[in-house]
Amino acid sequence: MIHNRPWLSFLTHSILILGILILVFPIYVTFVASTRSVDSILASPMPLWPGMELVKNYLAALAGPSKSVGVSVGQMMLNSLIMALGIALGKITISLMAAYAFVYFNFRFRNLFFWMIFVTLMLPVEVRILPTYEVVAKLGMLNTHVGLILPLIASATATFLFRQFFMTIPNELCEAARVDGAGPYRFFIDILVPMSRTSIAALFVILFIYGWNQYLWPLLITTDEGYYTMLIGIKRMLDVGEGQIEWNLVMASTILAIIPPVFVVVYMQNLFVKGLTETEK
């Protein structure tokens, strides 16, 4: 029997609230700094309430280049969005088709090929980044959106997860679809993909954030400021040498960089939780 202990509930909620405050406080300070002037931010101590320059700072960050980056934050956000969407959708599409082939088609060395793909999980991007860069450079894809996306769209993890899900689908469903005249393409599009909706949503959230937070690969292949992503742009804003860092624009850019991933997580929260917890398909 579970007894109701008010003091225990108070203690657990207090710890939870304290943890939330500790996590949220740096974000709040960043937001406050994004609403103030540089002199106000550098004052000691910095005020902890919002200032009067919120609209001015955010419009300046979105519309115009800073001293160290010759491109607006709006353009960098667009580049990051294109990269994140391209990586997420590309990984999901390729992984769905690969898992479908491994489960529903019989061909020689099927398991060997699958495990060859799975073993690539042991090879992080940093290990294979130089040969990947050489291939992309020879194909003329430096400073392009295709070059930002294409080398990162293969996913052994997503292929494995979709394969495991497809293996739980009864064979009778495939046989019934075949009897009704559904070919491989129609069975995949009309039956398997809708059944994988929650898994696709969960993976989309994870892969979108993965693509949005990419730093090393965009840093390596982009020399044209027009293709800078948000993380590169924020880092370049801090590299002003002996000059004065525009902290108000840096903080405004940081808050803007948080918005798209948070929106995706909040908007797809229900499907994301179902995709991670649902066991009965």
C-alpha atoms as a PDB file:
ATOM      1  CA  MET A   1       0.000   0.000   0.000  1.00  0.00           C
ATOM      2  CA  ILE A   2       1.245   3.477  -0.915  1.00  0.00           C
ATOM      3  CA  HIS A   3       0.788   6.003   1.905  1.00  0.00           C
ATOM      4  CA  ASN A   4       0.260   9.679   1.226  1.00  0.00           C
ATOM      5  CA  ARG A   5       3.077  11.600   2.903  1.00  0.00           C
ATOM      6  CA  PRO A   6       2.648  15.369   2.444  1.00  0.00           C
ATOM      7  CA  TRP A   7       6.185  16.142   3.582  1.00  0.00           C
ATOM      8  CA  LEU A   8       7.607  13.735   0.989  1.00  0.00           C
ATOM      9  CA  SER A   9       5.557  15.304  -1.798  1.00  0.00           C
ATOM     10  CA  PHE A  10       6.708  18.756  -0.689  1.00  0.00           C
ATOM     11  CA  LEU A  11      10.351  17.611  -0.664  1.00  0.00           C
ATOM     12  CA  THR A  12      10.227  16.018  -4.097  1.00  0.00           C
ATOM     13  CA  HIS A  13       8.431  18.998  -5.651  1.00  0.00           C
ATOM     14  CA  SER A  14      10.908  21.391  -4.042  1.00  0.00           C
ATOM     15  CA  ILE A  15      13.844  19.455  -5.503  1.00  0.00           C
ATOM     16  CA  LEU A  16      12.146  19.395  -8.899  1.00  0.00           C
ATOM     17  CA  ILE A  17      11.468  23.150  -8.832  1.00  0.00           C
ATOM     18  CA  LEU A  18      15.045  23.843  -7.713  1.00  0.00           C
ATOM     19  CA  GLY A  19      16.408  21.760 -10.577  1.00  0.00           C
ATOM     20  CA  ILE A  20      14.214  23.602 -13.083  1.00  0.00           C
ATOM     21  CA  LEU A  21      15.372  26.974 -11.759  1.00  0.00           C
ATOM     22  CA  ILE A  22      19.017  25.937 -12.033  1.00  0.00           C
ATOM     23  CA  LEU A  23      18.482  24.864 -15.654  1.00  0.00           C
ATOM     24  CA  VAL A  24      16.393  27.883 -16.665  1.00  0.00           C
ATOM     25  CA  PHE A  25      18.459  30.606 -14.954  1.00  0.00           C
ATOM     26  CA  PRO A  26      21.278  30.735 -17.584  1.00  0.00           C
ATOM     27  CA  ILE A  27      18.674  30.980 -20.357  1.00  0.00           C
ATOM     28  CA  TYR A  28      16.935  33.791 -18.471  1.00  0.00           C
ATOM     29  CA  VAL A  29      20.226  35.676 -18.059  1.00  0.00           C
ATOM     30  CA  THR A  30      20.878  35.256 -21.794  1.00  0.00           C
ATOM     31  CA  PHE A  31      17.443  36.653 -22.578  1.00  0.00           C
ATOM     32  CA  VAL A  32      17.968  39.612 -20.247  1.00  0.00           C
ATOM     33  CA  ALA A  33      21.327  40.369 -21.876  1.00  0.00           C
ATOM     34  CA  SER A  34      19.653  40.262 -25.299  1.00  0.00           C
ATOM     35  CA  THR A  35      17.352  43.117 -24.258  1.00  0.00           C
ATOM     36  CA  ARG A  36      20.061  45.508 -23.063  1.00  0.00           C
ATOM     37  CA  SER A  37      22.892  47.615 -24.458  1.00  0.00           C
ATOM     38  CA  VAL A  38      26.519  46.491 -24.403  1.00  0.00           C
ATOM     39  CA  ASP A  39      27.397  48.986 -21.651  1.00  0.00           C
ATOM     40  CA  SER A  40      24.551  47.701 -19.484  1.00  0.00           C
ATOM     41  CA  ILE A  41      25.677  44.105 -19.977  1.00  0.00           C
ATOM     42  CA  LEU A  42      29.275  44.931 -19.034  1.00  0.00           C
ATOM     43  CA  ALA A  43      28.180  46.781 -15.904  1.00  0.00           C
ATOM     44  CA  SER A  44      29.011  45.074 -12.620  1.00  0.00           C
ATOM     45  CA  PRO A  45      26.739  43.553 -11.585  1.00  0.00           C
ATOM     46  CA  MET A  46      24.584  43.168 -14.699  1.00  0.00           C
ATOM     47  CA  PRO A  47      20.903  43.892 -14.009  1.00  0.00           C
ATOM     48  CA  LEU A  48      18.722  40.796 -13.868  1.00  0.00           C
ATOM     49  CA  TRP A  49      15.569  42.318 -15.310  1.00  0.00           C
ATOM     50  CA  PRO A  50      14.813  42.855 -19.013  1.00  0.00           C
ATOM     51  CA  GLY A  51      15.823  46.133 -20.635  1.00  0.00           C
ATOM     52  CA  MET A  52      14.189  48.364 -23.235  1.00  0.00           C
ATOM     53  CA  GLU A  53      16.178  47.331 -26.343  1.00  0.00           C
ATOM     54  CA  LEU A  54      14.575  43.962 -27.065  1.00  0.00           C
ATOM     55  CA  VAL A  55      13.066  44.912 -30.431  1.00  0.00           C
ATOM     56  CA  LYS A  56      16.135  46.895 -31.500  1.00  0.00           C
ATOM     57  CA  ASN A  57      18.589  44.086 -30.712  1.00  0.00           C
ATOM     58  CA  TYR A  58      16.573  41.320 -32.315  1.00  0.00           C
ATOM     59  CA  LEU A  59      15.863  43.321 -35.461  1.00  0.00           C
ATOM     60  CA  ALA A  60      19.554  44.223 -35.704  1.00  0.00           C
ATOM     61  CA  ALA A  61      20.548  40.566 -35.348  1.00  0.00           C
ATOM     62  CA  LEU A  62      17.974  39.281 -37.830  1.00  0.00           C
ATOM     63  CA  ALA A  63      18.348  41.929 -40.504  1.00  0.00           C
ATOM     64  CA  GLY A  64      21.945  43.089 -40.575  1.00  0.00           C
ATOM     65  CA  PRO A  65      25.486  41.699 -40.414  1.00  0.00           C
ATOM     66  CA  SER A  66      27.575  42.114 -37.288  1.00  0.00           C
ATOM     67  CA  LYS A  67      31.119  43.452 -37.085  1.00  0.00           C
ATOM     68  CA  SER A  68      32.675  39.991 -37.409  1.00  0.00           C
ATOM     69  CA  VAL A  69      30.144  38.155 -39.617  1.00  0.00           C
ATOM     70  CA  GLY A  70      29.110  39.640 -42.936  1.00  0.00           C
ATOM     71  CA  VAL A  71      25.727  37.922 -43.004  1.00  0.00           C
ATOM     72  CA  SER A  72      22.545  38.328 -40.998  1.00  0.00           C
ATOM     73  CA  VAL A  73      21.332  35.938 -38.326  1.00  0.00           C
ATOM     74  CA  GLY A  74      18.216  35.392 -40.425  1.00  0.00           C
ATOM     75  CA  GLN A  75      20.332  33.946 -43.247  1.00  0.00           C
ATOM     76  CA  MET A  76      22.276  31.751 -40.824  1.00  0.00           C
ATOM     77  CA  MET A  77      19.037  30.478 -39.300  1.00  0.00           C
ATOM     78  CA  LEU A  78      17.786  29.635 -42.784  1.00  0.00           C
ATOM     79  CA  ASN A  79      20.990  27.704 -43.518  1.00  0.00           C
ATOM     80  CA  SER A  80      20.704  25.798 -40.243  1.00  0.00           C
ATOM     81  CA  LEU A  81      17.030  25.063 -40.924  1.00  0.00           C
ATOM     82  CA  ILE A  82      17.765  23.745 -44.417  1.00  0.00           C
ATOM     83  CA  MET A  83      20.572  21.590 -43.048  1.00  0.00           C
ATOM     84  CA  ALA A  84      18.560  20.235 -40.109  1.00  0.00           C
ATOM     85  CA  LEU A  85      15.486  19.439 -42.227  1.00  0.00           C
ATOM     86  CA  GLY A  86      17.592  17.903 -44.979  1.00  0.00           C
ATOM     87  CA  ILE A  87      19.492  15.672 -42.567  1.00  0.00           C
ATOM     88  CA  ALA A  88      16.359  14.593 -40.650  1.00  0.00           C
ATOM     89  CA  LEU A  89      14.231  13.878 -43.706  1.00  0.00           C
ATOM     90  CA  GLY A  90      17.120  12.281 -45.586  1.00  0.00           C
ATOM     91  CA  LYS A  91      18.055   9.967 -42.735  1.00  0.00           C
ATOM     92  CA  ILE A  92      14.434   8.903 -42.186  1.00  0.00           C
ATOM     93  CA  THR A  93      13.766   8.286 -45.883  1.00  0.00           C
ATOM     94  CA  ILE A  94      16.917   6.272 -46.525  1.00  0.00           C
ATOM     95  CA  SER A  95      16.559   4.331 -43.273  1.00  0.00           C
ATOM     96  CA  LEU A  96      12.929   3.434 -44.001  1.00  0.00           C
ATOM     97  CA  MET A  97      13.804   2.099 -47.437  1.00  0.00           C
ATOM     98  CA  ALA A  98      16.879   0.237 -46.177  1.00  0.00           C
ATOM     99  CA  ALA A  99      14.960  -1.381 -43.314  1.00  0.00           C
ATOM    100  CA  TYR A 100      12.151  -2.343 -45.702  1.00  0.00           C
ATOM    101  CA  ALA A 101      14.630  -4.039 -48.000  1.00  0.00           C
ATOM    102  CA  PHE A 102      16.344  -5.931 -45.168  1.00  0.00           C
ATOM    103  CA  VAL A 103      13.058  -7.248 -43.731  1.00  0.00           C
ATOM    104  CA  TYR A 104      10.844  -7.934 -46.747  1.00  0.00           C
ATOM    105  CA  PHE A 105      13.288  -8.851 -49.530  1.00  0.00           C
ATOM    106  CA  ASN A 106      15.386 -11.996 -49.676  1.00  0.00           C
ATOM    107  CA  PHE A 107      18.793 -11.530 -51.269  1.00  0.00           C
ATOM    108  CA  ARG A 108      22.232 -12.986 -50.770  1.00  0.00           C
ATOM    109  CA  PHE A 109      24.298 -11.728 -47.836  1.00  0.00           C
ATOM    110  CA  ARG A 110      21.337  -9.766 -46.468  1.00  0.00           C
ATOM    111  CA  ASN A 111      22.397 -10.123 -42.821  1.00  0.00           C
ATOM    112  CA  LEU A 112      26.029  -9.434 -43.689  1.00  0.00           C
ATOM    113  CA  PHE A 113      25.122  -6.143 -45.342  1.00  0.00           C
ATOM    114  CA  PHE A 114      22.936  -5.172 -42.412  1.00  0.00           C
ATOM    115  CA  TRP A 115      25.696  -5.798 -39.887  1.00  0.00           C
ATOM    116  CA  MET A 116      28.163  -3.925 -42.073  1.00  0.00           C
ATOM    117  CA  ILE A 117      25.849  -0.922 -41.813  1.00  0.00           C
ATOM    118  CA  PHE A 118      25.391  -1.438 -38.081  1.00  0.00           C
ATOM    119  CA  VAL A 119      29.152  -1.586 -37.471  1.00  0.00           C
ATOM    120  CA  THR A 120      29.466   1.967 -38.807  1.00  0.00           C
ATOM    121  CA  LEU A 121      28.079   3.104 -35.442  1.00  0.00           C
ATOM    122  CA  MET A 122      31.590   2.497 -34.123  1.00  0.00           C
ATOM    123  CA  LEU A 123      32.994   5.076 -36.571  1.00  0.00           C
ATOM    124  CA  PRO A 124      32.106   8.620 -35.456  1.00  0.00           C
ATOM    125  CA  VAL A 125      32.131  11.507 -37.897  1.00  0.00           C
ATOM    126  CA  GLU A 126      35.504  12.714 -36.618  1.00  0.00           C
ATOM    127  CA  VAL A 127      37.197   9.470 -37.696  1.00  0.00           C
ATOM    128  CA  ARG A 128      36.032   9.644 -41.311  1.00  0.00           C
ATOM    129  CA  ILE A 129      35.798  13.402 -41.716  1.00  0.00           C
ATOM    130  CA  LEU A 130      38.985  13.869 -43.779  1.00  0.00           C
ATOM    131  CA  PRO A 131      38.168  11.298 -46.503  1.00  0.00           C
ATOM    132  CA  THR A 132      34.583  12.591 -46.521  1.00  0.00           C
ATOM    133  CA  TYR A 133      35.868  16.126 -47.021  1.00  0.00           C
ATOM    134  CA  GLU A 134      38.100  14.980 -49.884  1.00  0.00           C
ATOM    135  CA  VAL A 135      35.167  13.316 -51.649  1.00  0.00           C
ATOM    136  CA  VAL A 136      32.921  16.363 -51.178  1.00  0.00           C
ATOM    137  CA  ALA A 137      35.661  18.690 -52.429  1.00  0.00           C
ATOM    138  CA  LYS A 138      36.275  16.601 -55.556  1.00  0.00           C
ATOM    139  CA  LEU A 139      32.543  16.606 -56.292  1.00  0.00           C
ATOM    140  CA  GLY A 140      32.489  20.409 -56.081  1.00  0.00           C
ATOM    141  CA  MET A 141      30.063  20.534 -53.157  1.00  0.00           C
ATOM    142  CA  LEU A 142      32.001  22.864 -50.854  1.00  0.00           C
ATOM    143  CA  ASN A 143      29.982  25.928 -49.831  1.00  0.00           C
ATOM    144  CA  THR A 144      26.690  24.335 -50.903  1.00  0.00           C
ATOM    145  CA  HIS A 145      23.623  23.151 -49.038  1.00  0.00           C
ATOM    146  CA  VAL A 146      24.006  19.752 -50.682  1.00  0.00           C
ATOM    147  CA  GLY A 147      27.515  19.480 -49.259  1.00  0.00           C
ATOM    148  CA  LEU A 148      26.197  20.326 -45.791  1.00  0.00           C
ATOM    149  CA  ILE A 149      23.487  17.664 -45.954  1.00  0.00           C
ATOM    150  CA  LEU A 150      24.487  14.756 -48.195  1.00  0.00           C
ATOM    151  CA  PRO A 151      27.434  13.287 -46.211  1.00  0.00           C
ATOM    152  CA  LEU A 152      25.311  13.133 -43.031  1.00  0.00           C
ATOM    153  CA  ILE A 153      22.057  11.568 -44.257  1.00  0.00           C
ATOM    154  CA  ALA A 154      22.981   7.900 -43.725  1.00  0.00           C
ATOM    155  CA  SER A 155      21.951   6.569 -40.315  1.00  0.00           C
ATOM    156  CA  ALA A 156      22.700   3.088 -39.008  1.00  0.00           C
ATOM    157  CA  THR A 157      20.723   3.791 -35.831  1.00  0.00           C
ATOM    158  CA  ALA A 158      17.529   4.731 -37.665  1.00  0.00           C
ATOM    159  CA  THR A 159      17.920   1.762 -40.017  1.00  0.00           C
ATOM    160  CA  PHE A 160      18.247  -0.568 -37.039  1.00  0.00           C
ATOM    161  CA  LEU A 161      15.218   0.901 -35.246  1.00  0.00           C
ATOM    162  CA  PHE A 162      12.972   0.712 -38.314  1.00  0.00           C
ATOM    163  CA  ARG A 163      14.166  -2.831 -39.046  1.00  0.00           C
ATOM    164  CA  GLN A 164      13.284  -3.943 -35.521  1.00  0.00           C
ATOM    165  CA  PHE A 165       9.855  -2.340 -35.826  1.00  0.00           C
ATOM    166  CA  PHE A 166       9.136  -3.933 -39.215  1.00  0.00           C
ATOM    167  CA  MET A 167      10.082  -7.332 -37.803  1.00  0.00           C
ATOM    168  CA  THR A 168       7.271  -7.023 -35.235  1.00  0.00           C
ATOM    169  CA  ILE A 169       4.621  -6.636 -37.967  1.00  0.00           C
ATOM    170  CA  PRO A 170       2.820  -9.964 -38.584  1.00  0.00           C
ATOM    171  CA  ASN A 171       3.532 -11.685 -41.889  1.00  0.00           C
ATOM    172  CA  GLU A 172      -0.220 -12.104 -42.313  1.00  0.00           C
ATOM    173  CA  LEU A 173      -0.498  -8.376 -42.964  1.00  0.00           C
ATOM    174  CA  CYS A 174       1.938  -8.589 -45.861  1.00  0.00           C
ATOM    175  CA  GLU A 175       0.146 -11.651 -47.245  1.00  0.00           C
ATOM    176  CA  ALA A 176      -3.243  -9.934 -46.972  1.00  0.00           C
ATOM    177  CA  ALA A 177      -1.892  -6.907 -48.833  1.00  0.00           C
ATOM    178  CA  ARG A 178      -0.507  -9.177 -51.545  1.00  0.00           C
ATOM    179  CA  VAL A 179      -3.883 -10.910 -51.907  1.00  0.00           C
ATOM    180  CA  ASP A 180      -5.563  -7.515 -52.282  1.00  0.00           C
ATOM    181  CA  GLY A 181      -3.223  -6.748 -55.165  1.00  0.00           C
ATOM    182  CA  ALA A 182      -0.855  -4.388 -53.344  1.00  0.00           C
ATOM    183  CA  GLY A 183       2.663  -4.489 -54.760  1.00  0.00           C
ATOM    184  CA  PRO A 184       5.855  -3.788 -52.802  1.00  0.00           C
ATOM    185  CA  TYR A 185       5.657  -0.035 -53.407  1.00  0.00           C
ATOM    186  CA  ARG A 186       2.009   0.281 -52.350  1.00  0.00           C
ATOM    187  CA  PHE A 187       2.547  -1.932 -49.290  1.00  0.00           C
ATOM    188  CA  PHE A 188       5.444   0.283 -48.231  1.00  0.00           C
ATOM    189  CA  ILE A 189       3.723   3.635 -48.828  1.00  0.00           C
ATOM    190  CA  ASP A 190       0.144   2.820 -47.803  1.00  0.00           C
ATOM    191  CA  ILE A 191       0.746   0.426 -44.912  1.00  0.00           C
ATOM    192  CA  LEU A 192       4.245   0.454 -43.442  1.00  0.00           C
ATOM    193  CA  VAL A 193       4.890   4.197 -43.484  1.00  0.00           C
ATOM    194  CA  PRO A 194       1.573   5.140 -41.769  1.00  0.00           C
ATOM    195  CA  MET A 195       2.168   2.413 -39.171  1.00  0.00           C
ATOM    196  CA  SER A 196       5.607   3.897 -38.488  1.00  0.00           C
ATOM    197  CA  ARG A 197       4.233   7.394 -37.863  1.00  0.00           C
ATOM    198  CA  THR A 198       5.136   7.620 -34.180  1.00  0.00           C
ATOM    199  CA  SER A 199       8.595   6.143 -34.723  1.00  0.00           C
ATOM    200  CA  ILE A 200       9.194   8.588 -37.571  1.00  0.00           C
ATOM    201  CA  ALA A 201       8.110  11.499 -35.366  1.00  0.00           C
ATOM    202  CA  ALA A 202      10.406  10.460 -32.506  1.00  0.00           C
ATOM    203  CA  LEU A 203      13.357  10.062 -34.845  1.00  0.00           C
ATOM    204  CA  PHE A 204      12.565  13.339 -36.611  1.00  0.00           C
ATOM    205  CA  VAL A 205      12.826  15.276 -33.343  1.00  0.00           C
ATOM    206  CA  ILE A 206      16.146  13.652 -32.448  1.00  0.00           C
ATOM    207  CA  LEU A 207      17.619  13.986 -35.941  1.00  0.00           C
ATOM    208  CA  PHE A 208      16.448  17.582 -36.393  1.00  0.00           C
ATOM    209  CA  ILE A 209      18.235  18.621 -33.203  1.00  0.00           C
ATOM    210  CA  TYR A 210      21.279  16.599 -34.316  1.00  0.00           C
ATOM    211  CA  GLY A 211      21.360  18.458 -37.631  1.00  0.00           C
ATOM    212  CA  TRP A 212      20.704  21.851 -36.058  1.00  0.00           C
ATOM    213  CA  ASN A 213      23.585  21.411 -33.595  1.00  0.00           C
ATOM    214  CA  GLN A 214      26.164  20.385 -36.205  1.00  0.00           C
ATOM    215  CA  TYR A 215      29.348  22.427 -35.866  1.00  0.00           C
ATOM    216  CA  LEU A 216      32.432  20.539 -37.025  1.00  0.00           C
ATOM    217  CA  TRP A 217      31.235  19.552 -40.509  1.00  0.00           C
ATOM    218  CA  PRO A 218      29.825  22.990 -41.489  1.00  0.00           C
ATOM    219  CA  LEU A 219      32.969  24.622 -40.089  1.00  0.00           C
ATOM    220  CA  LEU A 220      35.105  22.415 -42.323  1.00  0.00           C
ATOM    221  CA  ILE A 221      33.327  22.844 -45.659  1.00  0.00           C
ATOM    222  CA  THR A 222      32.025  26.428 -45.510  1.00  0.00           C
ATOM    223  CA  THR A 223      34.307  29.350 -46.263  1.00  0.00           C
ATOM    224  CA  ASP A 224      31.588  31.482 -47.849  1.00  0.00           C
ATOM    225  CA  GLU A 225      29.773  33.458 -45.137  1.00  0.00           C
ATOM    226  CA  GLY A 226      26.535  33.011 -47.064  1.00  0.00           C
ATOM    227  CA  TYR A 227      26.485  29.345 -45.982  1.00  0.00           C
ATOM    228  CA  TYR A 228      27.348  29.839 -42.306  1.00  0.00           C
ATOM    229  CA  THR A 229      25.077  28.046 -39.838  1.00  0.00           C
ATOM    230  CA  MET A 230      23.969  29.471 -36.501  1.00  0.00           C
ATOM    231  CA  LEU A 231      26.651  27.823 -34.386  1.00  0.00           C
ATOM    232  CA  ILE A 232      29.439  28.983 -36.681  1.00  0.00           C
ATOM    233  CA  GLY A 233      27.970  32.480 -36.819  1.00  0.00           C
ATOM    234  CA  ILE A 234      27.739  32.808 -33.028  1.00  0.00           C
ATOM    235  CA  LYS A 235      31.330  31.575 -32.680  1.00  0.00           C
ATOM    236  CA  ARG A 236      32.511  34.113 -35.270  1.00  0.00           C
ATOM    237  CA  MET A 237      30.695  36.905 -33.427  1.00  0.00           C
ATOM    238  CA  LEU A 238      32.997  36.209 -30.482  1.00  0.00           C
ATOM    239  CA  ASP A 239      36.170  36.340 -32.618  1.00  0.00           C
ATOM    240  CA  VAL A 240      36.668  40.101 -32.888  1.00  0.00           C
ATOM    241  CA  GLY A 241      40.310  40.271 -31.837  1.00  0.00           C
ATOM    242  CA  GLU A 242      40.942  43.518 -29.995  1.00  0.00           C
ATOM    243  CA  GLY A 243      37.497  44.857 -30.821  1.00  0.00           C
ATOM    244  CA  GLN A 244      34.446  45.041 -28.597  1.00  0.00           C
ATOM    245  CA  ILE A 245      32.185  41.998 -28.658  1.00  0.00           C
ATOM    246  CA  GLU A 246      28.577  42.938 -29.393  1.00  0.00           C
ATOM    247  CA  TRP A 247      27.234  40.953 -26.471  1.00  0.00           C
ATOM    248  CA  ASN A 248      23.665  42.128 -26.971  1.00  0.00           C
ATOM    249  CA  LEU A 249      23.606  40.749 -30.534  1.00  0.00           C
ATOM    250  CA  VAL A 250      25.415  37.568 -29.478  1.00  0.00           C
ATOM    251  CA  MET A 251      22.834  36.903 -26.786  1.00  0.00           C
ATOM    252  CA  ALA A 252      19.946  37.744 -29.116  1.00  0.00           C
ATOM    253  CA  SER A 253      21.385  35.322 -31.686  1.00  0.00           C
ATOM    254  CA  THR A 254      21.712  32.652 -29.009  1.00  0.00           C
ATOM    255  CA  ILE A 255      18.056  32.996 -28.030  1.00  0.00           C
ATOM    256  CA  LEU A 256      17.023  32.863 -31.691  1.00  0.00           C
ATOM    257  CA  ALA A 257      19.115  29.718 -32.140  1.00  0.00           C
ATOM    258  CA  ILE A 258      17.173  28.010 -29.339  1.00  0.00           C
ATOM    259  CA  ILE A 259      13.715  28.710 -30.776  1.00  0.00           C
ATOM    260  CA  PRO A 260      13.488  26.221 -33.716  1.00  0.00           C
ATOM    261  CA  PRO A 261      14.568  23.096 -31.748  1.00  0.00           C
ATOM    262  CA  VAL A 262      12.289  24.039 -28.857  1.00  0.00           C
ATOM    263  CA  PHE A 263       9.386  24.578 -31.266  1.00  0.00           C
ATOM    264  CA  VAL A 264       9.936  21.161 -32.878  1.00  0.00           C
ATOM    265  CA  VAL A 265      10.084  19.420 -29.486  1.00  0.00           C
ATOM    266  CA  VAL A 266       6.965  21.168 -28.156  1.00  0.00           C
ATOM    267  CA  TYR A 267       4.953  20.762 -31.372  1.00  0.00           C
ATOM    268  CA  MET A 268       5.777  17.061 -31.729  1.00  0.00           C
ATOM    269  CA  GLN A 269       5.894  16.215 -28.030  1.00  0.00           C
ATOM    270  CA  ASN A 270       2.974  13.772 -28.006  1.00  0.00           C
ATOM    271  CA  LEU A 271       4.167  11.809 -31.034  1.00  0.00           C
ATOM    272  CA  PHE A 272       7.721  11.890 -29.689  1.00  0.00           C
ATOM    273  CA  VAL A 273       6.693  10.339 -26.360  1.00  0.00           C
ATOM    274  CA  LYS A 274       4.522   7.728 -28.103  1.00  0.00           C
ATOM    275  CA  GLY A 275       7.367   6.802 -30.420  1.00  0.00           C
ATOM    276  CA  LEU A 276       9.693   6.172 -27.486  1.00  0.00           C
ATOM    277  CA  THR A 277       7.249   4.422 -25.164  1.00  0.00           C
ATOM    278  CA  GLU A 278       4.678   2.675 -27.329  1.00  0.00           C
ATOM    279  CA  THR A 279       5.202  -1.083 -27.348  1.00  0.00           C
ATOM    280  CA  GLU A 280       1.981  -2.388 -28.845  1.00  0.00           C
ATOM    281  CA  LYS A 281       1.745  -1.644 -32.565  1.00  0.00           C
END
